[in-house]
Amino acid sequence: MKHRIVVLGAGYTGAIAAGRLARRLHPGDTEITVVNADSDFVERVRMHQLATGQDLKRRRLSDIFAGTGVRLRLARVTAVDVDRRTVSLVDADGAEEIGYDTLVYALGSAAADHGVPGVAEHAYDIAGKQSALRLRERLKGLAVGGTVLVVGGGLTGLEAATEIAEARPDLDVAIAARGGLGDWLDGKAQRHLRGVFDRLGITVHEHTDVARVEATGAVTADGRVIPAQVTVWTTGFAVHPIAAATTLSVAGTGQIVVDDTMRSVSHPDVYAVGDAGLAEGPGGKPLRMSCASGTPMAWQAADAIAARLTGRKIPRAPLRYFNQCISLGRRDGIIQFVTADDRAKPSLLKGKLAARYKEVVCKGAAWGVAHPMLMLPTRRRRLAVTRTESSTATV
């Protein structure tokens, strides 16, 4: 019988892991199935563009996996039983249960409301395609002089605020940040950021904690009201609750705790990549939820699985950071170079050059999904262990 590998989720990390495994393992010995609710690959790093009316290139998963032997199953995951090694699915034909020998959990994350009242009822987010399209329709309906408030001063918030302000200069756009505007960036980057916000006419509310969202705006912790016809919530991400409902070892965030090969510390036949996994980076700091973290996690997991199954030495992917890429509309940006553990260095790119750099990075990330070996040779190796032995094999 073939060794069954099931990959849950086909975002950046799930799609890369599946494609890389298909190019590492012989199809005569393995069966790789990807479960995803959408038939298209979603460029999550471009959701702020989608929300402002830009049309993105369609990338069909069937095209991405064509010729690889990967089987695409369009379905929604409803539960995982890691003790029975089964996954419960729902698709157009109803509910079903499938089994696995190795599971790659890459279900990703959604916008986190942090329990703030009114977010679910009144706010919009850009954490996924459907939510970005929902915001797109709402922004389209705003008349001249309409008000938009972006809550959250992280990378997503900065990109959302500037993209909206550039695409719709007729709107009154504001941002509310818990800390200072871009205060984790180098001083030169902060000054450039403020200049862009001034140029785009974005009102900045710094050191502002939003305590409640209403239909007409946001109420801060100190009782101030920031009026807004549209509130965009970008205060971070929360993982899918399925993992926490299993017997897997998970962190308080709901992320699956993994070792340096992305293998679950409690269940050796389960690997977690991307936002779903809690992995340790340089300096003992957890890797942040980002494409920059998820891609090398996917490389590491796929290579570790292939090595264990074929009896070879496990290669190590560099789990470190090089830069933070921030688009500030279509014609401006900041590339903040960082240390391995993600602290800002006194070096950066800015302006049009940074915007072009960021565009290359986004295109490269999408290219890497369809080319997960990064031009390395494809060697589909035969399994060196049996199906029943593989879940406990170590190197």
Protein backbone atom coordinates (compact mmCIF):
# COMPACT_ATOMS: atom_id res chain seq x y z
CA MET A 1 0.00 0.00 0.00
CA LYS A 2 1.15 3.53 -0.72
CA HIS A 3 2.14 5.92 2.05
CA ARG A 4 -0.70 8.46 2.27
CA ILE A 5 0.34 12.08 2.76
CA VAL A 6 -2.51 14.54 3.31
CA VAL A 7 -1.88 18.29 3.21
CA LEU A 8 -4.57 20.49 4.75
CA GLY A 9 -4.65 23.91 3.13
CA ALA A 10 -3.17 25.19 -0.14
CA GLY A 11 -1.97 28.64 0.76
CA TYR A 12 1.70 29.48 0.32
CA THR A 13 2.93 26.88 2.82
CA GLY A 14 0.58 24.00 2.07
CA ALA A 15 0.99 24.30 -1.69
CA ILE A 16 4.77 24.56 -1.44
CA ALA A 17 5.02 21.59 0.92
CA ALA A 18 2.81 19.42 -1.33
CA GLY A 19 4.63 20.34 -4.51
CA ARG A 20 8.05 19.81 -2.94
CA LEU A 21 7.04 16.42 -1.55
CA ALA A 22 5.79 15.36 -4.98
CA ARG A 23 9.22 16.13 -6.39
CA ARG A 24 11.08 14.35 -3.57
CA LEU A 25 9.10 11.11 -3.36
CA HIS A 26 8.42 8.39 -5.93
CA PRO A 27 4.74 8.29 -6.96
CA GLY A 28 4.84 4.49 -6.90
CA ASP A 29 5.27 4.58 -3.13
CA THR A 30 3.31 7.66 -2.07
CA GLU A 31 -0.08 9.26 -2.53
CA ILE A 32 -0.22 13.02 -1.89
CA THR A 33 -3.61 14.67 -1.42
CA VAL A 34 -4.15 18.41 -0.89
CA VAL A 35 -7.42 19.48 0.72
CA ASN A 36 -8.48 23.08 0.10
CA ALA A 37 -11.82 24.85 0.08
CA ASP A 38 -10.98 27.14 -2.87
CA SER A 39 -10.03 25.99 -6.35
CA ASP A 40 -7.63 28.92 -6.72
CA PHE A 41 -4.37 29.77 -5.00
CA VAL A 42 -4.87 33.03 -3.10
CA GLU A 43 -2.01 35.53 -2.99
CA ARG A 44 -2.68 36.61 0.55
CA VAL A 45 0.04 39.26 0.47
CA ARG A 46 -2.04 41.12 -2.13
CA MET A 47 -5.39 41.24 -0.32
CA HIS A 48 -5.10 45.00 0.25
CA GLN A 49 -4.86 45.37 -3.53
CA LEU A 50 -7.91 43.18 -4.09
CA ALA A 51 -9.87 45.20 -1.53
CA THR A 52 -9.19 48.46 -3.35
CA GLY A 53 -10.54 47.28 -6.67
CA GLN A 54 -7.46 45.84 -8.34
CA ASP A 55 -7.87 42.59 -10.27
CA LEU A 56 -5.37 39.88 -9.43
CA LYS A 57 -4.11 37.17 -11.75
CA ARG A 58 -6.09 33.97 -11.31
CA ARG A 59 -3.90 31.02 -10.28
CA ARG A 60 -5.75 27.70 -10.45
CA LEU A 61 -4.47 25.02 -8.10
CA SER A 62 -5.18 22.41 -10.76
CA ASP A 63 -2.68 24.19 -13.00
CA ILE A 64 -0.12 24.55 -10.20
CA PHE A 65 -0.25 20.81 -9.42
CA ALA A 66 -0.58 19.65 -13.03
CA GLY A 67 1.88 16.90 -13.85
CA THR A 68 3.09 16.50 -10.25
CA GLY A 69 0.83 13.63 -9.20
CA VAL A 70 -0.66 15.70 -6.37
CA ARG A 71 -4.38 15.03 -5.97
CA LEU A 72 -6.48 18.13 -5.27
CA ARG A 73 -9.56 17.66 -3.13
CA LEU A 74 -11.90 20.68 -2.98
CA ALA A 75 -13.47 20.45 0.45
CA ARG A 76 -13.67 22.15 3.83
CA VAL A 77 -11.92 20.53 6.79
CA THR A 78 -14.26 20.15 9.77
CA ALA A 79 -12.19 18.02 12.17
CA VAL A 80 -8.96 16.08 12.60
CA ASP A 81 -8.55 12.95 14.71
CA VAL A 82 -4.81 12.57 15.21
CA ASP A 83 -5.20 9.38 17.23
CA ARG A 84 -7.18 7.61 14.50
CA ARG A 85 -5.26 9.45 11.75
CA THR A 86 -8.39 10.71 10.00
CA VAL A 87 -9.62 14.02 8.63
CA SER A 88 -13.30 14.93 8.38
CA LEU A 89 -14.32 16.87 5.27
CA VAL A 90 -17.40 18.48 3.76
CA ASP A 91 -17.71 19.10 0.04
CA ALA A 92 -20.51 19.54 -2.48
CA ASP A 93 -21.44 15.87 -2.09
CA GLY A 94 -21.64 15.94 1.69
CA ALA A 95 -19.46 14.79 4.59
CA GLU A 96 -16.64 12.28 4.35
CA GLU A 97 -13.68 10.99 6.34
CA ILE A 98 -10.24 10.27 4.83
CA GLY A 99 -7.21 8.63 6.40
CA TYR A 100 -3.53 9.55 6.37
CA ASP A 101 -0.13 8.19 7.33
CA THR A 102 1.55 11.62 7.40
CA LEU A 103 -0.37 14.84 7.87
CA VAL A 104 0.84 18.32 6.91
CA TYR A 105 -1.36 20.82 8.72
CA ALA A 106 -1.36 24.18 6.90
CA LEU A 107 -4.82 25.60 7.52
CA GLY A 108 -3.40 29.05 8.20
CA SER A 109 -5.17 31.84 10.04
CA ALA A 110 -7.92 34.43 9.94
CA ALA A 111 -8.29 37.92 11.36
CA ALA A 112 -8.17 38.03 15.16
CA ASP A 113 -10.76 40.20 16.90
CA HIS A 114 -9.09 39.76 20.35
CA GLY A 115 -12.54 39.71 21.91
CA VAL A 116 -13.18 43.37 21.13
CA PRO A 117 -16.95 43.99 21.06
CA GLY A 118 -18.44 44.92 17.71
CA VAL A 119 -15.61 43.70 15.49
CA ALA A 120 -17.51 40.70 14.13
CA GLU A 121 -20.66 42.75 13.52
CA HIS A 122 -19.26 46.01 12.16
CA ALA A 123 -15.63 45.66 11.01
CA TYR A 124 -14.08 44.43 7.76
CA ASP A 125 -10.76 42.61 7.33
CA ILE A 126 -8.38 41.62 4.54
CA ALA A 127 -7.15 38.31 5.96
CA GLY A 128 -8.66 36.30 3.10
CA LYS A 129 -10.15 36.56 -0.37
CA GLN A 130 -13.80 36.60 0.61
CA SER A 131 -13.32 39.20 3.34
CA ALA A 132 -11.24 41.37 1.00
CA LEU A 133 -13.96 41.17 -1.65
CA ARG A 134 -16.54 42.13 0.97
CA LEU A 135 -14.51 45.23 1.84
CA ARG A 136 -14.06 45.95 -1.86
CA GLU A 137 -17.82 46.15 -2.35
CA ARG A 138 -18.24 48.37 0.70
CA LEU A 139 -15.54 50.80 -0.38
CA LYS A 140 -17.04 50.93 -3.86
CA GLY A 141 -20.29 52.13 -2.31
CA LEU A 142 -18.70 54.99 -0.35
CA ALA A 143 -19.41 58.46 -1.71
CA VAL A 144 -16.92 61.33 -1.90
CA GLY A 145 -15.92 62.38 1.61
CA GLY A 146 -16.63 58.95 3.08
CA THR A 147 -14.65 57.98 6.18
CA VAL A 148 -12.48 54.90 6.64
CA LEU A 149 -10.63 53.87 9.81
CA VAL A 150 -7.92 51.20 9.74
CA VAL A 151 -7.36 49.72 13.19
CA GLY A 152 -3.90 48.23 13.67
CA GLY A 153 -0.47 49.71 13.02
CA GLY A 154 1.37 46.58 11.89
CA LEU A 155 2.44 45.71 8.37
CA THR A 156 -1.09 44.83 7.25
CA GLY A 157 -2.53 48.04 8.68
CA LEU A 158 0.11 50.24 7.05
CA GLU A 159 -0.41 48.61 3.67
CA ALA A 160 -4.20 48.74 3.92
CA ALA A 161 -4.34 52.41 4.94
CA THR A 162 -1.97 53.61 2.21
CA GLU A 163 -3.53 51.44 -0.49
CA ILE A 164 -7.03 52.73 0.29
CA ALA A 165 -5.87 56.34 0.51
CA GLU A 166 -4.02 56.12 -2.80
CA ALA A 167 -6.81 54.31 -4.65
CA ARG A 168 -9.53 56.57 -3.22
CA PRO A 169 -8.09 60.04 -2.62
CA ASP A 170 -11.68 61.28 -2.30
CA LEU A 171 -12.07 59.43 1.02
CA ASP A 172 -11.02 60.53 4.51
CA VAL A 173 -8.72 57.72 5.68
CA ALA A 174 -7.38 57.35 9.25
CA ILE A 175 -5.34 54.76 11.12
CA ALA A 176 -5.37 53.87 14.82
CA ALA A 177 -2.16 52.27 16.14
CA ARG A 178 -1.66 50.95 19.66
CA GLY A 179 1.95 52.17 19.61
CA GLY A 180 3.76 54.79 17.59
CA LEU A 181 3.45 54.76 13.81
CA GLY A 182 5.95 52.18 12.56
CA ASP A 183 7.85 52.41 15.83
CA TRP A 184 9.60 49.07 15.25
CA LEU A 185 11.29 50.45 12.12
CA ASP A 186 14.61 52.25 11.82
CA GLY A 187 14.43 56.01 12.33
CA LYS A 188 14.92 56.78 8.63
CA ALA A 189 12.14 54.36 7.73
CA GLN A 190 9.82 55.96 10.28
CA ARG A 191 10.44 59.41 8.83
CA HIS A 192 9.71 58.18 5.32
CA LEU A 193 6.56 56.44 6.53
CA ARG A 194 5.27 59.63 8.14
CA GLY A 195 6.02 61.56 4.97
CA VAL A 196 3.95 59.11 2.91
CA PHE A 197 1.05 59.28 5.35
CA ASP A 198 1.17 63.07 5.23
CA ARG A 199 1.29 63.06 1.42
CA LEU A 200 -1.72 60.74 1.23
CA GLY A 201 -3.63 62.75 3.81
CA ILE A 202 -4.03 59.87 6.27
CA THR A 203 -4.96 60.93 9.81
CA VAL A 204 -2.85 59.10 12.40
CA HIS A 205 -4.10 58.20 15.89
CA GLU A 206 -1.04 56.90 17.74
CA HIS A 207 -0.98 55.16 21.14
CA THR A 208 -4.66 54.44 20.67
CA ASP A 209 -6.33 51.31 21.98
CA VAL A 210 -9.71 50.58 20.38
CA ALA A 211 -12.11 49.13 22.95
CA ARG A 212 -15.26 48.81 20.85
CA VAL A 213 -16.35 48.99 17.21
CA GLU A 214 -19.71 50.43 16.28
CA ALA A 215 -21.53 50.91 13.00
CA THR A 216 -20.47 54.55 12.97
CA GLY A 217 -16.84 54.17 14.07
CA ALA A 218 -14.64 53.09 16.96
CA VAL A 219 -14.57 53.90 20.65
CA THR A 220 -11.14 54.05 22.28
CA ALA A 221 -10.17 52.80 25.73
CA ASP A 222 -10.17 56.37 27.05
CA GLY A 223 -13.67 57.02 25.73
CA ARG A 224 -12.88 58.97 22.57
CA VAL A 225 -14.92 58.31 19.45
CA ILE A 226 -13.27 58.03 16.03
CA PRO A 227 -16.02 58.32 13.42
CA ALA A 228 -15.88 56.00 10.42
CA GLN A 229 -18.37 54.67 7.93
CA VAL A 230 -16.02 51.73 7.34
CA THR A 231 -13.72 50.20 9.97
CA VAL A 232 -10.97 47.86 8.71
CA TRP A 233 -9.63 45.53 11.41
CA THR A 234 -5.94 44.56 11.01
CA THR A 235 -4.75 43.81 14.54
CA GLY A 236 -3.25 40.40 13.91
CA PHE A 237 -4.22 36.84 13.10
CA ALA A 238 -5.79 33.87 14.87
CA VAL A 239 -5.30 30.27 13.79
CA HIS A 240 -8.09 27.89 12.85
CA PRO A 241 -9.52 26.27 16.04
CA ILE A 242 -9.39 22.70 14.67
CA ALA A 243 -5.90 21.92 16.03
CA ALA A 244 -6.82 23.01 19.57
CA ALA A 245 -9.75 20.57 19.51
CA THR A 246 -7.38 17.62 19.00
CA THR A 247 -4.91 15.88 21.33
CA LEU A 248 -2.02 17.66 19.60
CA SER A 249 0.28 19.74 21.79
CA VAL A 250 -0.71 23.35 21.07
CA ALA A 251 0.36 26.71 22.45
CA GLY A 252 -1.97 29.24 24.02
CA THR A 253 -2.38 30.75 20.56
CA GLY A 254 -3.80 27.47 19.26
CA GLN A 255 -0.72 26.89 17.11
CA ILE A 256 0.73 23.39 16.92
CA VAL A 257 4.04 23.18 18.79
CA VAL A 258 6.72 21.78 16.46
CA ASP A 259 10.41 20.95 16.59
CA ASP A 260 13.06 22.31 14.25
CA THR A 261 11.86 20.02 11.44
CA MET A 262 8.25 21.29 11.77
CA ARG A 263 7.20 17.97 13.30
CA SER A 264 4.62 17.99 16.10
CA VAL A 265 6.28 17.44 19.47
CA SER A 266 3.39 15.19 20.52
CA HIS A 267 2.45 13.34 17.32
CA PRO A 268 5.38 12.38 15.05
CA ASP A 269 3.17 11.74 12.02
CA VAL A 270 1.91 15.35 12.02
CA TYR A 271 3.78 18.38 10.68
CA ALA A 272 2.58 21.98 10.94
CA VAL A 273 3.71 24.81 8.67
CA GLY A 274 2.94 28.49 8.25
CA ASP A 275 0.72 30.32 10.71
CA ALA A 276 -0.57 27.00 12.07
CA GLY A 277 2.81 25.98 13.52
CA LEU A 278 4.68 27.45 16.47
CA ALA A 279 8.33 27.14 15.53
CA GLU A 280 11.39 28.60 17.19
CA GLY A 281 13.48 31.04 15.20
CA PRO A 282 16.83 32.75 15.85
CA GLY A 283 17.42 33.77 19.44
CA GLY A 284 14.71 31.41 20.67
CA LYS A 285 11.96 33.76 19.46
CA PRO A 286 8.84 32.22 17.90
CA LEU A 287 8.60 32.84 14.16
CA ARG A 288 5.98 35.46 13.40
CA MET A 289 2.96 34.69 11.26
CA SER A 290 4.05 35.72 7.79
CA CYS A 291 4.90 34.47 4.33
CA ALA A 292 8.56 35.10 5.20
CA SER A 293 8.27 32.50 7.98
CA GLY A 294 5.92 30.08 6.29
CA THR A 295 7.88 29.46 3.11
CA PRO A 296 11.06 28.13 4.77
CA MET A 297 8.88 26.20 7.23
CA ALA A 298 7.26 24.46 4.25
CA TRP A 299 10.65 23.68 2.70
CA GLN A 300 11.88 22.25 6.00
CA ALA A 301 8.79 20.12 6.63
CA ALA A 302 8.72 18.67 3.10
CA ASP A 303 12.44 17.89 3.11
CA ALA A 304 12.26 16.34 6.59
CA ILE A 305 9.31 14.13 5.64
CA ALA A 306 11.02 13.00 2.45
CA ALA A 307 14.31 12.35 4.24
CA ARG A 308 12.68 10.29 6.99
CA LEU A 309 10.68 8.23 4.54
CA THR A 310 13.65 7.55 2.26
CA GLY A 311 16.21 7.00 5.01
CA ARG A 312 18.34 10.04 4.20
CA LYS A 313 19.88 12.83 6.25
CA ILE A 314 17.50 15.70 6.99
CA PRO A 315 18.61 18.98 5.36
CA ARG A 316 18.09 22.23 7.24
CA ALA A 317 16.35 25.30 5.81
CA PRO A 318 17.47 28.74 7.10
CA LEU A 319 14.70 29.84 9.48
CA ARG A 320 15.67 33.49 9.71
CA TYR A 321 14.66 36.92 8.47
CA PHE A 322 16.33 39.24 5.99
CA ASN A 323 13.94 42.14 5.48
CA GLN A 324 10.42 43.45 5.99
CA CYS A 325 8.75 44.54 2.76
CA ILE A 326 6.06 47.21 3.09
CA SER A 327 4.10 48.53 0.13
CA LEU A 328 2.75 52.05 0.63
CA GLY A 329 0.43 52.16 -2.34
CA ARG A 330 1.54 51.14 -5.82
CA ARG A 331 4.36 53.70 -6.20
CA ASP A 332 6.01 53.83 -2.79
CA GLY A 333 7.29 51.49 -0.14
CA ILE A 334 9.87 50.61 2.48
CA ILE A 335 12.24 47.66 2.53
CA GLN A 336 13.52 47.49 6.10
CA PHE A 337 16.53 45.21 6.39
CA VAL A 338 16.53 43.25 9.63
CA THR A 339 18.67 40.94 11.73
CA ALA A 340 18.13 37.19 11.70
CA ASP A 341 15.68 37.57 14.62
CA ASP A 342 13.72 40.36 12.87
CA ARG A 343 15.12 43.52 14.51
CA ALA A 344 15.54 46.59 12.32
CA LYS A 345 18.98 47.43 10.97
CA PRO A 346 20.03 50.99 10.05
CA SER A 347 19.65 50.20 6.35
CA LEU A 348 16.66 50.33 4.05
CA LEU A 349 15.27 51.02 0.62
CA LYS A 350 12.42 53.48 0.16
CA GLY A 351 10.23 55.11 -2.45
CA LYS A 352 9.76 53.76 -5.97
CA LEU A 353 12.75 51.41 -5.71
CA ALA A 354 11.23 49.81 -2.61
CA ALA A 355 7.87 49.50 -4.38
CA ARG A 356 9.51 47.66 -7.27
CA TYR A 357 11.45 45.46 -4.82
CA LYS A 358 8.23 44.52 -3.02
CA GLU A 359 6.54 43.69 -6.31
CA VAL A 360 9.41 41.36 -7.22
CA VAL A 361 9.08 39.68 -3.81
CA CYS A 362 5.33 39.15 -4.28
CA LYS A 363 5.78 37.75 -7.77
CA GLY A 364 8.62 35.57 -6.52
CA ALA A 365 6.47 34.15 -3.73
CA ALA A 366 3.78 33.14 -6.22
CA TRP A 367 6.40 31.71 -8.59
CA GLY A 368 7.83 29.69 -5.71
CA VAL A 369 4.47 28.00 -5.13
CA ALA A 370 4.50 26.62 -8.67
CA HIS A 371 8.27 25.94 -8.53
CA PRO A 372 8.83 24.67 -4.96
CA MET A 373 12.26 23.20 -5.72
CA LEU A 374 13.60 26.67 -6.66
CA MET A 375 15.31 25.22 -9.74
CA LEU A 376 16.93 22.42 -7.75
CA PRO A 377 16.90 19.04 -9.50
CA THR A 378 13.87 16.80 -9.02
CA ARG A 379 14.76 13.40 -7.60
CA ARG A 380 11.79 11.20 -6.75
CA ARG A 381 13.24 8.64 -4.35
CA ARG A 382 11.75 5.31 -3.26
CA LEU A 383 10.67 4.80 0.33
CA ALA A 384 13.12 3.08 2.65
CA VAL A 385 10.58 2.30 5.39
CA THR A 386 7.16 0.68 5.43
CA ARG A 387 3.95 2.59 5.94
CA THR A 388 3.52 1.45 9.53
CA GLU A 389 7.13 2.17 10.46
CA SER A 390 7.27 5.64 8.92
CA SER A 391 5.34 7.46 11.65
CA THR A 392 8.00 6.76 14.25
CA ALA A 393 11.12 6.76 12.03
CA THR A 394 13.79 9.27 13.07
CA VAL A 395 17.07 10.43 11.64
